Amino acid sequence: MVDELEKTETEADRDTKPKKRKKLIIPWKSLALYILPAFIVFIIFIMMHNLLVQPPLSREEIAALINNKNEDENSNGNSDDEIDTAENTQEAIQQGSDIPFIGPQHFYHSFTGALATDLKNGSGILTIEIAVSIFMGKLNAETYLENFKKFEPALRSPILALMRTKTKEQLETNKGKETLQLEILKTINDELVRLGAKPEIEAVQLTQLLLI
């Protein structure tokens, strides 16, 4: 009887003893095999993105390119063929990379030929050359600019009408030139809407302006 009681007490003591907790073992090597390749791919992606994706030209860079072009024309007396070659080179530089997966970019198109007209009240004669810019993907831009060329003859008339409302005194100031650029931009987009086309022109640059 006594033995049975001792045996029962011994078993009870065993049951009351705290059980040892199992330690959490983290398989660092296995985790590294999964995480390191993903991290390396991410780093490579960031490096390739920085190398291949080019930001659009700022307004200051566009103005610098246009000024350099005008200085070259004045100093060298380029022929018409040389001017066309310079414009094509400038357009190629501005449009950037041809890589298909790059997103929207700035694309430029120069009007064919200059626009010239008398100014208001016979105050002078204004001659300008215009370049327009759009912001979209390369394939859409090529299609849009190809269609835009068809509207050029219709766009010239309202632009010339706008130019006739200006005086020589107005256009001799930087503010007057900037106002003319903005008004030409609005005129082009409004006329495109009237003709049933999308008004996608983002900016207008006066690549050349001559007052007489």
N, C-alpha and C. Protein backbone atom coordinates (compact mmCIF):
# COMPACT_ATOMS: atom_id res chain seq x y z
N MET A 1 0.82 -1.20 0.00
CA MET A 1 0.00 0.00 0.00
C MET A 1 0.87 1.26 0.00
N VAL A 2 1.89 1.22 0.90
CA VAL A 2 2.82 2.35 0.98
C VAL A 2 3.55 2.54 -0.32
N ASP A 3 3.95 1.43 -0.95
CA ASP A 3 4.64 1.51 -2.24
C ASP A 3 3.76 2.13 -3.31
N GLU A 4 2.50 1.79 -3.27
CA GLU A 4 1.59 2.35 -4.27
C GLU A 4 1.45 3.85 -4.10
N LEU A 5 1.37 4.31 -2.81
CA LEU A 5 1.24 5.73 -2.56
C LEU A 5 2.49 6.48 -3.02
N GLU A 6 3.67 5.91 -2.72
CA GLU A 6 4.91 6.55 -3.16
C GLU A 6 4.98 6.62 -4.67
N LYS A 7 4.56 5.55 -5.34
CA LYS A 7 4.57 5.53 -6.80
C LYS A 7 3.64 6.59 -7.37
N THR A 8 2.48 6.74 -6.73
CA THR A 8 1.52 7.74 -7.21
C THR A 8 2.06 9.15 -7.03
N GLU A 9 2.71 9.42 -5.84
CA GLU A 9 3.30 10.73 -5.60
C GLU A 9 4.41 11.03 -6.58
N THR A 10 5.22 10.01 -6.90
CA THR A 10 6.31 10.21 -7.85
C THR A 10 5.77 10.59 -9.23
N GLU A 11 4.73 9.91 -9.68
CA GLU A 11 4.13 10.20 -10.99
C GLU A 11 3.52 11.60 -11.01
N ALA A 12 2.91 11.98 -9.83
CA ALA A 12 2.31 13.32 -9.76
C ALA A 12 3.37 14.39 -9.84
N ASP A 13 4.53 14.14 -9.18
CA ASP A 13 5.63 15.11 -9.24
C ASP A 13 6.15 15.27 -10.66
N ARG A 14 6.21 14.16 -11.38
CA ARG A 14 6.68 14.23 -12.75
C ARG A 14 5.74 15.07 -13.63
N ASP A 15 4.41 14.88 -13.35
CA ASP A 15 3.43 15.61 -14.17
C ASP A 15 3.48 17.11 -13.92
N THR A 16 3.87 17.49 -12.65
CA THR A 16 3.90 18.93 -12.33
C THR A 16 5.16 19.61 -12.79
N LYS A 17 6.21 18.90 -13.18
CA LYS A 17 7.45 19.50 -13.64
C LYS A 17 7.21 20.23 -14.97
N PRO A 18 7.72 21.48 -15.12
CA PRO A 18 7.50 22.23 -16.38
C PRO A 18 8.23 21.57 -17.55
N LYS A 19 7.53 21.54 -18.65
CA LYS A 19 8.13 20.96 -19.86
C LYS A 19 9.04 21.97 -20.53
N LYS A 20 10.10 21.51 -21.09
CA LYS A 20 11.04 22.37 -21.79
C LYS A 20 10.44 22.88 -23.11
N ARG A 21 10.56 24.22 -23.37
CA ARG A 21 10.05 24.79 -24.61
C ARG A 21 11.04 24.54 -25.75
N LYS A 22 10.47 24.28 -26.87
CA LYS A 22 11.32 24.07 -28.05
C LYS A 22 11.79 25.42 -28.59
N LYS A 23 13.03 25.52 -28.92
CA LYS A 23 13.60 26.75 -29.47
C LYS A 23 13.20 26.91 -30.95
N LEU A 24 12.89 28.16 -31.34
CA LEU A 24 12.55 28.47 -32.73
C LEU A 24 13.84 28.62 -33.54
N ILE A 25 13.99 27.75 -34.47
CA ILE A 25 15.20 27.76 -35.31
C ILE A 25 14.85 28.38 -36.66
N ILE A 26 15.50 29.52 -36.99
CA ILE A 26 15.25 30.20 -38.27
C ILE A 26 16.26 29.70 -39.31
N PRO A 27 15.77 29.16 -40.41
CA PRO A 27 16.68 28.64 -41.45
C PRO A 27 17.26 29.78 -42.29
N TRP A 28 18.27 30.48 -41.73
CA TRP A 28 18.83 31.65 -42.42
C TRP A 28 19.38 31.31 -43.80
N LYS A 29 20.01 30.18 -43.92
CA LYS A 29 20.59 29.82 -45.22
C LYS A 29 19.50 29.65 -46.27
N SER A 30 18.40 29.01 -45.88
CA SER A 30 17.30 28.82 -46.85
C SER A 30 16.68 30.16 -47.23
N LEU A 31 16.51 31.03 -46.21
CA LEU A 31 15.95 32.35 -46.52
C LEU A 31 16.86 33.15 -47.45
N ALA A 32 18.16 33.04 -47.21
CA ALA A 32 19.11 33.76 -48.05
C ALA A 32 19.03 33.30 -49.50
N LEU A 33 18.82 32.00 -49.70
CA LEU A 33 18.73 31.47 -51.06
C LEU A 33 17.54 32.06 -51.81
N TYR A 34 16.45 32.40 -51.10
CA TYR A 34 15.27 32.98 -51.73
C TYR A 34 15.38 34.51 -51.86
N ILE A 35 15.94 35.16 -50.82
CA ILE A 35 15.94 36.63 -50.79
C ILE A 35 17.05 37.23 -51.65
N LEU A 36 18.26 36.66 -51.60
CA LEU A 36 19.39 37.25 -52.32
C LEU A 36 19.16 37.38 -53.83
N PRO A 37 18.66 36.34 -54.52
CA PRO A 37 18.42 36.50 -55.97
C PRO A 37 17.44 37.63 -56.28
N ALA A 38 16.37 37.73 -55.47
CA ALA A 38 15.40 38.80 -55.71
C ALA A 38 16.03 40.17 -55.49
N PHE A 39 16.87 40.28 -54.47
CA PHE A 39 17.55 41.55 -54.18
C PHE A 39 18.51 41.92 -55.31
N ILE A 40 19.23 40.94 -55.83
CA ILE A 40 20.18 41.20 -56.92
C ILE A 40 19.43 41.65 -58.18
N VAL A 41 18.30 40.99 -58.48
CA VAL A 41 17.50 41.37 -59.66
C VAL A 41 16.98 42.80 -59.50
N PHE A 42 16.56 43.17 -58.29
CA PHE A 42 16.06 44.52 -58.04
C PHE A 42 17.14 45.56 -58.27
N ILE A 43 18.35 45.29 -57.78
CA ILE A 43 19.47 46.22 -57.96
C ILE A 43 19.79 46.38 -59.44
N ILE A 44 19.81 45.26 -60.20
CA ILE A 44 20.10 45.32 -61.64
C ILE A 44 19.04 46.13 -62.36
N PHE A 45 17.76 45.95 -61.97
CA PHE A 45 16.67 46.70 -62.60
C PHE A 45 16.85 48.21 -62.39
N ILE A 46 17.19 48.62 -61.14
CA ILE A 46 17.37 50.04 -60.85
C ILE A 46 18.52 50.61 -61.68
N MET A 47 19.64 49.85 -61.80
CA MET A 47 20.79 50.33 -62.55
C MET A 47 20.45 50.48 -64.03
N MET A 48 19.75 49.48 -64.62
CA MET A 48 19.39 49.54 -66.03
C MET A 48 18.40 50.68 -66.28
N HIS A 49 17.47 50.88 -65.35
CA HIS A 49 16.49 51.97 -65.51
C HIS A 49 17.19 53.31 -65.56
N ASN A 50 18.16 53.52 -64.65
CA ASN A 50 18.89 54.80 -64.63
C ASN A 50 19.74 55.00 -65.88
N LEU A 51 20.24 53.89 -66.45
CA LEU A 51 21.10 54.00 -67.64
C LEU A 51 20.29 54.24 -68.90
N LEU A 52 19.10 53.60 -69.01
CA LEU A 52 18.37 53.60 -70.27
C LEU A 52 17.31 54.69 -70.36
N VAL A 53 16.64 55.00 -69.25
CA VAL A 53 15.53 55.96 -69.29
C VAL A 53 16.09 57.37 -69.20
N GLN A 54 15.78 58.18 -70.18
CA GLN A 54 16.27 59.55 -70.22
C GLN A 54 15.12 60.51 -69.91
N PRO A 55 15.32 61.46 -69.00
CA PRO A 55 14.26 62.43 -68.70
C PRO A 55 14.06 63.38 -69.88
N PRO A 56 12.85 63.95 -70.04
CA PRO A 56 12.63 64.90 -71.14
C PRO A 56 13.45 66.16 -70.95
N LEU A 57 13.75 66.80 -72.06
CA LEU A 57 14.53 68.04 -72.00
C LEU A 57 13.74 69.13 -71.28
N SER A 58 14.43 69.92 -70.48
CA SER A 58 13.80 71.05 -69.81
C SER A 58 13.64 72.21 -70.80
N ARG A 59 12.86 73.20 -70.39
CA ARG A 59 12.67 74.38 -71.26
C ARG A 59 14.00 75.08 -71.51
N GLU A 60 14.87 75.11 -70.48
CA GLU A 60 16.17 75.76 -70.66
C GLU A 60 17.03 75.03 -71.68
N GLU A 61 17.00 73.66 -71.64
CA GLU A 61 17.81 72.89 -72.59
C GLU A 61 17.28 73.07 -74.01
N ILE A 62 15.94 73.12 -74.16
CA ILE A 62 15.36 73.34 -75.49
C ILE A 62 15.78 74.71 -76.03
N ALA A 63 15.70 75.73 -75.15
CA ALA A 63 16.09 77.08 -75.58
C ALA A 63 17.56 77.13 -75.97
N ALA A 64 18.42 76.40 -75.22
CA ALA A 64 19.85 76.38 -75.54
C ALA A 64 20.09 75.75 -76.90
N LEU A 65 19.38 74.65 -77.19
CA LEU A 65 19.54 74.00 -78.50
C LEU A 65 19.11 74.93 -79.62
N ILE A 66 17.99 75.63 -79.41
CA ILE A 66 17.48 76.54 -80.45
C ILE A 66 18.45 77.70 -80.66
N ASN A 67 18.99 78.25 -79.56
CA ASN A 67 19.94 79.36 -79.69
C ASN A 67 21.21 78.93 -80.41
N ASN A 68 21.70 77.71 -80.09
CA ASN A 68 22.89 77.21 -80.77
C ASN A 68 22.64 77.05 -82.27
N LYS A 69 21.44 76.58 -82.60
CA LYS A 69 21.11 76.41 -84.01
C LYS A 69 21.09 77.76 -84.74
N ASN A 70 20.47 78.78 -84.10
CA ASN A 70 20.39 80.10 -84.73
C ASN A 70 21.78 80.72 -84.89
N GLU A 71 22.65 80.53 -83.88
CA GLU A 71 24.00 81.06 -83.98
C GLU A 71 24.78 80.41 -85.12
N ASP A 72 24.61 79.09 -85.28
CA ASP A 72 25.30 78.39 -86.37
C ASP A 72 24.81 78.89 -87.73
N GLU A 73 23.48 79.14 -87.83
CA GLU A 73 22.93 79.61 -89.11
C GLU A 73 23.47 80.99 -89.46
N ASN A 74 23.54 81.87 -88.45
CA ASN A 74 24.00 83.23 -88.70
C ASN A 74 25.48 83.30 -89.04
N SER A 75 26.28 82.46 -88.39
CA SER A 75 27.73 82.52 -88.58
C SER A 75 28.19 81.82 -89.85
N ASN A 76 27.52 80.75 -90.22
CA ASN A 76 27.97 79.95 -91.36
C ASN A 76 27.19 80.22 -92.64
N GLY A 77 26.04 80.92 -92.54
CA GLY A 77 25.24 81.18 -93.74
C GLY A 77 24.81 79.89 -94.40
N ASN A 78 24.17 78.99 -93.65
CA ASN A 78 23.79 77.68 -94.17
C ASN A 78 22.80 77.81 -95.31
N SER A 79 22.89 76.88 -96.25
CA SER A 79 21.91 76.77 -97.33
C SER A 79 20.66 76.09 -96.78
N ASP A 80 19.59 76.02 -97.61
CA ASP A 80 18.35 75.38 -97.18
C ASP A 80 18.57 73.92 -96.83
N ASP A 81 19.39 73.22 -97.62
CA ASP A 81 19.64 71.81 -97.34
C ASP A 81 20.35 71.62 -96.01
N GLU A 82 21.29 72.51 -95.70
CA GLU A 82 22.02 72.40 -94.43
C GLU A 82 21.10 72.68 -93.25
N ILE A 83 20.17 73.64 -93.42
CA ILE A 83 19.22 73.95 -92.35
C ILE A 83 18.33 72.75 -92.07
N ASP A 84 17.83 72.10 -93.15
CA ASP A 84 16.99 70.92 -92.97
C ASP A 84 17.74 69.82 -92.24
N THR A 85 19.03 69.63 -92.58
CA THR A 85 19.83 68.61 -91.91
C THR A 85 19.99 68.92 -90.44
N ALA A 86 20.21 70.20 -90.09
CA ALA A 86 20.36 70.59 -88.69
C ALA A 86 19.07 70.36 -87.92
N GLU A 87 17.93 70.67 -88.54
CA GLU A 87 16.64 70.47 -87.88
C GLU A 87 16.39 69.00 -87.62
N ASN A 88 16.72 68.15 -88.61
CA ASN A 88 16.51 66.71 -88.43
C ASN A 88 17.40 66.16 -87.32
N THR A 89 18.66 66.66 -87.27
CA THR A 89 19.58 66.22 -86.21
C THR A 89 19.07 66.64 -84.85
N GLN A 90 18.61 67.91 -84.74
CA GLN A 90 18.09 68.40 -83.48
C GLN A 90 16.88 67.59 -83.03
N GLU A 91 15.97 67.29 -83.97
CA GLU A 91 14.78 66.53 -83.63
C GLU A 91 15.13 65.14 -83.14
N ALA A 92 16.15 64.50 -83.77
CA ALA A 92 16.57 63.17 -83.35
C ALA A 92 17.15 63.19 -81.95
N ILE A 93 17.92 64.26 -81.62
CA ILE A 93 18.50 64.37 -80.27
C ILE A 93 17.39 64.55 -79.25
N GLN A 94 16.41 65.38 -79.56
CA GLN A 94 15.37 65.68 -78.59
C GLN A 94 14.45 64.49 -78.34
N GLN A 95 14.21 63.68 -79.35
CA GLN A 95 13.27 62.59 -79.18
C GLN A 95 13.83 61.46 -78.34
N GLY A 96 15.15 61.38 -78.20
CA GLY A 96 15.72 60.42 -77.26
C GLY A 96 15.74 59.00 -77.79
N SER A 97 15.67 58.04 -76.87
CA SER A 97 15.87 56.64 -77.17
C SER A 97 14.73 56.04 -77.97
N ASP A 98 15.04 55.00 -78.77
CA ASP A 98 14.03 54.28 -79.52
C ASP A 98 13.58 53.01 -78.80
N ILE A 99 14.03 52.79 -77.57
CA ILE A 99 13.69 51.57 -76.85
C ILE A 99 12.18 51.53 -76.64
N PRO A 100 11.49 50.44 -77.06
CA PRO A 100 10.02 50.43 -77.10
C PRO A 100 9.34 50.47 -75.75
N PHE A 101 9.99 50.00 -74.64
CA PHE A 101 9.29 49.92 -73.37
C PHE A 101 9.38 51.21 -72.57
N ILE A 102 10.08 52.22 -73.07
CA ILE A 102 10.14 53.49 -72.37
C ILE A 102 8.81 54.21 -72.51
N GLY A 103 8.39 54.89 -71.45
CA GLY A 103 7.09 55.55 -71.43
C GLY A 103 7.05 56.81 -72.27
N PRO A 104 6.04 57.66 -72.04
CA PRO A 104 5.87 58.87 -72.84
C PRO A 104 7.09 59.77 -72.80
N GLN A 105 7.34 60.45 -73.92
CA GLN A 105 8.46 61.37 -74.05
C GLN A 105 7.99 62.61 -74.82
N HIS A 106 8.86 63.62 -74.86
CA HIS A 106 8.59 64.81 -75.66
C HIS A 106 9.09 64.59 -77.08
N PHE A 107 8.21 64.81 -78.06
CA PHE A 107 8.56 64.70 -79.48
C PHE A 107 8.28 66.04 -80.15
N TYR A 108 9.13 66.39 -81.12
CA TYR A 108 9.08 67.72 -81.72
C TYR A 108 8.88 67.63 -83.23
N HIS A 109 8.20 68.65 -83.75
CA HIS A 109 7.96 68.72 -85.20
C HIS A 109 8.02 70.18 -85.62
N SER A 110 8.78 70.47 -86.67
CA SER A 110 8.90 71.84 -87.20
C SER A 110 7.96 72.04 -88.38
N PHE A 111 7.27 73.16 -88.38
CA PHE A 111 6.41 73.50 -89.51
C PHE A 111 7.25 73.59 -90.77
N THR A 112 6.66 73.22 -91.88
CA THR A 112 7.34 73.32 -93.16
C THR A 112 7.32 74.77 -93.64
N GLY A 113 8.49 75.37 -93.73
CA GLY A 113 8.58 76.75 -94.20
C GLY A 113 8.24 77.77 -93.13
N ALA A 114 8.64 79.00 -93.38
CA ALA A 114 8.40 80.10 -92.43
C ALA A 114 7.03 80.72 -92.69
N LEU A 115 6.54 81.47 -91.68
CA LEU A 115 5.30 82.23 -91.82
C LEU A 115 5.65 83.71 -91.74
N ALA A 116 5.19 84.50 -92.72
CA ALA A 116 5.52 85.93 -92.77
C ALA A 116 4.27 86.73 -93.09
N THR A 117 4.14 87.90 -92.43
CA THR A 117 2.98 88.75 -92.67
C THR A 117 3.27 90.16 -92.17
N ASP A 118 2.43 91.12 -92.66
CA ASP A 118 2.51 92.49 -92.15
C ASP A 118 1.95 92.54 -90.73
N LEU A 119 2.49 93.45 -89.94
CA LEU A 119 2.00 93.64 -88.58
C LEU A 119 0.90 94.69 -88.54
N LYS A 120 0.28 94.81 -87.37
CA LYS A 120 -0.85 95.72 -87.21
C LYS A 120 -0.46 97.17 -87.51
N ASN A 121 -1.35 97.86 -88.20
CA ASN A 121 -1.15 99.28 -88.56
C ASN A 121 0.10 99.51 -89.41
N GLY A 122 0.55 98.47 -90.12
CA GLY A 122 1.71 98.61 -90.98
C GLY A 122 2.98 98.94 -90.20
N SER A 123 3.06 98.49 -88.93
CA SER A 123 4.21 98.83 -88.08
C SER A 123 5.45 98.02 -88.42
N GLY A 124 5.33 97.00 -89.25
CA GLY A 124 6.49 96.20 -89.61
C GLY A 124 6.08 94.90 -90.26
N ILE A 125 7.08 94.06 -90.50
CA ILE A 125 6.85 92.73 -91.08
C ILE A 125 7.44 91.69 -90.12
N LEU A 126 6.65 90.65 -89.84
CA LEU A 126 7.07 89.59 -88.92
C LEU A 126 7.24 88.27 -89.69
N THR A 127 8.39 87.65 -89.49
CA THR A 127 8.65 86.32 -90.07
C THR A 127 9.05 85.38 -88.93
N ILE A 128 8.38 84.23 -88.84
CA ILE A 128 8.69 83.27 -87.78
C ILE A 128 8.77 81.86 -88.35
N GLU A 129 9.51 81.01 -87.64
CA GLU A 129 9.51 79.57 -87.87
C GLU A 129 9.05 78.91 -86.59
N ILE A 130 8.19 77.90 -86.71
CA ILE A 130 7.52 77.29 -85.55
C ILE A 130 7.90 75.82 -85.42
N ALA A 131 8.09 75.39 -84.16
CA ALA A 131 8.21 73.97 -83.83
C ALA A 131 7.21 73.66 -82.72
N VAL A 132 6.47 72.56 -82.87
CA VAL A 132 5.50 72.17 -81.85
C VAL A 132 5.99 70.90 -81.16
N SER A 133 5.55 70.68 -79.92
CA SER A 133 5.95 69.48 -79.19
C SER A 133 4.73 68.78 -78.62
N ILE A 134 4.82 67.43 -78.53
CA ILE A 134 3.78 66.61 -77.93
C ILE A 134 4.44 65.72 -76.89
N PHE A 135 3.63 65.12 -76.01
CA PHE A 135 4.15 64.26 -74.95
C PHE A 135 3.33 62.98 -74.95
N MET A 136 3.91 61.90 -75.49
CA MET A 136 3.22 60.62 -75.56
C MET A 136 4.22 59.52 -75.90
N GLY A 137 3.75 58.28 -75.98
CA GLY A 137 4.61 57.16 -76.35
C GLY A 137 5.09 57.29 -77.78
N LYS A 138 6.21 56.62 -78.09
CA LYS A 138 6.86 56.78 -79.40
C LYS A 138 5.94 56.40 -80.56
N LEU A 139 5.28 55.23 -80.47
CA LEU A 139 4.45 54.78 -81.59
C LEU A 139 3.27 55.72 -81.81
N ASN A 140 2.62 56.14 -80.72
CA ASN A 140 1.50 57.08 -80.84
C ASN A 140 1.98 58.43 -81.37
N ALA A 141 3.17 58.85 -80.94
CA ALA A 141 3.70 60.14 -81.38
C ALA A 141 3.97 60.14 -82.87
N GLU A 142 4.56 59.05 -83.38
CA GLU A 142 4.84 58.98 -84.81
C GLU A 142 3.56 59.07 -85.63
N THR A 143 2.52 58.36 -85.17
CA THR A 143 1.24 58.39 -85.89
C THR A 143 0.60 59.78 -85.81
N TYR A 144 0.65 60.39 -84.62
CA TYR A 144 0.02 61.70 -84.44
C TYR A 144 0.71 62.77 -85.30
N LEU A 145 2.03 62.79 -85.28
CA LEU A 145 2.75 63.81 -86.05
C LEU A 145 2.58 63.61 -87.55
N GLU A 146 2.47 62.35 -87.97
CA GLU A 146 2.23 62.10 -89.39
C GLU A 146 0.89 62.67 -89.82
N ASN A 147 -0.13 62.51 -88.96
CA ASN A 147 -1.45 63.08 -89.27
C ASN A 147 -1.44 64.60 -89.11
N PHE A 148 -0.63 65.10 -88.17
CA PHE A 148 -0.58 66.55 -87.92
C PHE A 148 -0.10 67.30 -89.16
N LYS A 149 0.82 66.70 -89.90
CA LYS A 149 1.36 67.35 -91.09
C LYS A 149 0.24 67.68 -92.09
N LYS A 150 -0.82 66.86 -92.10
CA LYS A 150 -1.92 67.09 -93.04
C LYS A 150 -2.70 68.36 -92.68
N PHE A 151 -2.64 68.76 -91.40
CA PHE A 151 -3.40 69.94 -90.97
C PHE A 151 -2.60 71.24 -91.08
N GLU A 152 -1.32 71.14 -91.40
CA GLU A 152 -0.48 72.33 -91.44
C GLU A 152 -1.03 73.43 -92.36
N PRO A 153 -1.46 73.12 -93.58
CA PRO A 153 -1.99 74.19 -94.44
C PRO A 153 -3.18 74.91 -93.82
N ALA A 154 -4.05 74.16 -93.14
CA ALA A 154 -5.22 74.77 -92.51
C ALA A 154 -4.83 75.57 -91.27
N LEU A 155 -3.74 75.21 -90.61
CA LEU A 155 -3.32 75.90 -89.40
C LEU A 155 -2.60 77.22 -89.71
N ARG A 156 -1.99 77.30 -90.87
CA ARG A 156 -1.21 78.50 -91.20
C ARG A 156 -2.09 79.76 -91.25
N SER A 157 -3.30 79.62 -91.77
CA SER A 157 -4.17 80.80 -91.93
C SER A 157 -4.52 81.44 -90.59
N PRO A 158 -5.03 80.69 -89.57
CA PRO A 158 -5.34 81.35 -88.29
C PRO A 158 -4.09 81.86 -87.57
N ILE A 159 -2.94 81.21 -87.77
CA ILE A 159 -1.70 81.71 -87.14
C ILE A 159 -1.30 83.04 -87.75
N LEU A 160 -1.39 83.14 -89.08
CA LEU A 160 -1.07 84.40 -89.75
C LEU A 160 -2.03 85.51 -89.31
N ALA A 161 -3.31 85.14 -89.13
CA ALA A 161 -4.30 86.14 -88.68
C ALA A 161 -3.94 86.65 -87.28
N LEU A 162 -3.47 85.74 -86.43
CA LEU A 162 -3.05 86.14 -85.09
C LEU A 162 -1.83 87.06 -85.16
N MET A 163 -0.88 86.74 -86.01
CA MET A 163 0.33 87.55 -86.14
C MET A 163 -0.01 88.98 -86.57
N ARG A 164 -1.04 89.15 -87.39
CA ARG A 164 -1.41 90.48 -87.89
C ARG A 164 -1.99 91.37 -86.79
N THR A 165 -2.37 90.77 -85.65
CA THR A 165 -2.93 91.58 -84.56
C THR A 165 -1.84 92.19 -83.68
N LYS A 166 -0.58 91.84 -83.94
CA LYS A 166 0.52 92.32 -83.12
C LYS A 166 1.20 93.53 -83.76
N THR A 167 1.80 94.35 -82.91
CA THR A 167 2.60 95.48 -83.39
C THR A 167 4.08 95.18 -83.20
N LYS A 168 4.90 95.90 -83.92
CA LYS A 168 6.35 95.70 -83.79
C LYS A 168 6.82 96.00 -82.38
N GLU A 169 6.25 97.03 -81.75
CA GLU A 169 6.65 97.40 -80.40
C GLU A 169 6.37 96.26 -79.41
N GLN A 170 5.23 95.57 -79.58
CA GLN A 170 4.89 94.47 -78.69
C GLN A 170 5.90 93.33 -78.79
N LEU A 171 6.30 93.03 -80.00
CA LEU A 171 7.16 91.86 -80.24
C LEU A 171 8.63 92.14 -80.01
N GLU A 172 8.98 93.37 -79.75
CA GLU A 172 10.37 93.69 -79.46
C GLU A 172 10.74 93.37 -78.01
N THR A 173 9.76 93.03 -77.18
CA THR A 173 10.01 92.66 -75.78
C THR A 173 9.91 91.15 -75.60
N ASN A 174 10.62 90.63 -74.60
CA ASN A 174 10.55 89.19 -74.32
C ASN A 174 9.14 88.76 -73.92
N LYS A 175 8.47 89.61 -73.15
CA LYS A 175 7.10 89.29 -72.74
C LYS A 175 6.18 89.19 -73.96
N GLY A 176 6.38 90.08 -74.93
CA GLY A 176 5.56 90.04 -76.13
C GLY A 176 5.78 88.76 -76.93
N LYS A 177 7.03 88.32 -77.00
CA LYS A 177 7.33 87.07 -77.71
C LYS A 177 6.71 85.86 -77.00
N GLU A 178 6.83 85.84 -75.66
CA GLU A 178 6.24 84.74 -74.90
C GLU A 178 4.73 84.70 -75.05
N THR A 179 4.11 85.88 -75.05
CA THR A 179 2.65 85.95 -75.23
C THR A 179 2.26 85.42 -76.61
N LEU A 180 3.05 85.76 -77.63
CA LEU A 180 2.77 85.26 -78.97
C LEU A 180 2.86 83.73 -79.02
N GLN A 181 3.86 83.15 -78.35
CA GLN A 181 4.00 81.69 -78.31
C GLN A 181 2.75 81.04 -77.71
N LEU A 182 2.32 81.56 -76.56
CA LEU A 182 1.15 80.97 -75.90
C LEU A 182 -0.11 81.12 -76.74
N GLU A 183 -0.24 82.26 -77.40
CA GLU A 183 -1.44 82.48 -78.23
C GLU A 183 -1.42 81.57 -79.46
N ILE A 184 -0.24 81.34 -80.04
CA ILE A 184 -0.15 80.42 -81.18
C ILE A 184 -0.51 79.00 -80.73
N LEU A 185 -0.05 78.60 -79.53
CA LEU A 185 -0.39 77.28 -78.99
C LEU A 185 -1.91 77.12 -78.87
N LYS A 186 -2.56 78.11 -78.28
CA LYS A 186 -4.02 78.04 -78.14
C LYS A 186 -4.71 78.03 -79.50
N THR A 187 -4.21 78.83 -80.43
CA THR A 187 -4.81 78.88 -81.76
C THR A 187 -4.71 77.53 -82.46
N ILE A 188 -3.55 76.88 -82.36
CA ILE A 188 -3.36 75.58 -83.01
C ILE A 188 -4.31 74.54 -82.42
N ASN A 189 -4.37 74.45 -81.09
CA ASN A 189 -5.24 73.43 -80.47
C ASN A 189 -6.72 73.71 -80.74
N ASP A 190 -7.11 74.99 -80.70
CA ASP A 190 -8.51 75.32 -81.01
C ASP A 190 -8.85 74.95 -82.44
N GLU A 191 -7.93 75.22 -83.36
CA GLU A 191 -8.19 74.90 -84.77
C GLU A 191 -8.23 73.40 -84.99
N LEU A 192 -7.39 72.64 -84.28
CA LEU A 192 -7.42 71.18 -84.38
C LEU A 192 -8.77 70.64 -83.94
N VAL A 193 -9.30 71.19 -82.85
CA VAL A 193 -10.63 70.76 -82.39
C VAL A 193 -11.68 71.06 -83.45
N ARG A 194 -11.60 72.26 -84.03
CA ARG A 194 -12.57 72.64 -85.07
C ARG A 194 -12.49 71.71 -86.28
N LEU A 195 -11.27 71.21 -86.56
CA LEU A 195 -11.08 70.33 -87.71
C LEU A 195 -11.35 68.86 -87.36
N GLY A 196 -11.71 68.57 -86.10
CA GLY A 196 -12.04 67.20 -85.71
C GLY A 196 -10.86 66.38 -85.26
N ALA A 197 -9.74 67.03 -84.93
CA ALA A 197 -8.55 66.31 -84.46
C ALA A 197 -8.36 66.55 -82.96
N LYS A 198 -7.51 65.72 -82.36
CA LYS A 198 -7.24 65.87 -80.92
C LYS A 198 -6.24 67.00 -80.69
N PRO A 199 -6.53 67.88 -79.73
CA PRO A 199 -5.60 69.00 -79.43
C PRO A 199 -4.48 68.55 -78.48
N GLU A 200 -3.52 67.81 -79.01
CA GLU A 200 -2.48 67.20 -78.18
C GLU A 200 -1.19 68.03 -78.11
N ILE A 201 -1.15 69.18 -78.76
CA ILE A 201 0.07 69.99 -78.76
C ILE A 201 0.33 70.55 -77.37
N GLU A 202 1.52 70.27 -76.83
CA GLU A 202 1.86 70.67 -75.46
C GLU A 202 2.54 72.05 -75.41
N ALA A 203 3.35 72.36 -76.42
CA ALA A 203 4.08 73.63 -76.39
C ALA A 203 4.43 74.06 -77.81
N VAL A 204 4.68 75.36 -77.97
CA VAL A 204 5.11 75.93 -79.25
C VAL A 204 6.41 76.69 -79.01
N GLN A 205 7.38 76.45 -79.88
CA GLN A 205 8.66 77.16 -79.81
C GLN A 205 8.83 77.99 -81.09
N LEU A 206 9.24 79.24 -80.92
CA LEU A 206 9.57 80.09 -82.08
C LEU A 206 11.05 79.88 -82.38
N THR A 207 11.34 78.98 -83.30
CA THR A 207 12.73 78.65 -83.58
C THR A 207 13.46 79.79 -84.28
N GLN A 208 12.69 80.67 -84.91
CA GLN A 208 13.29 81.85 -85.51
C GLN A 208 12.24 82.96 -85.56
N LEU A 209 12.68 84.18 -85.24
CA LEU A 209 11.76 85.34 -85.28
C LEU A 209 12.53 86.53 -85.85
N LEU A 210 11.97 87.10 -86.92
CA LEU A 210 12.62 88.23 -87.60
C LEU A 210 11.62 89.38 -87.72
N LEU A 211 12.01 90.52 -87.17
CA LEU A 211 11.19 91.73 -87.25
C LEU A 211 11.84 92.74 -88.19
N ILE A 212 11.06 93.28 -89.10
CA ILE A 212 11.58 94.32 -90.01
C ILE A 212 10.69 95.55 -89.90
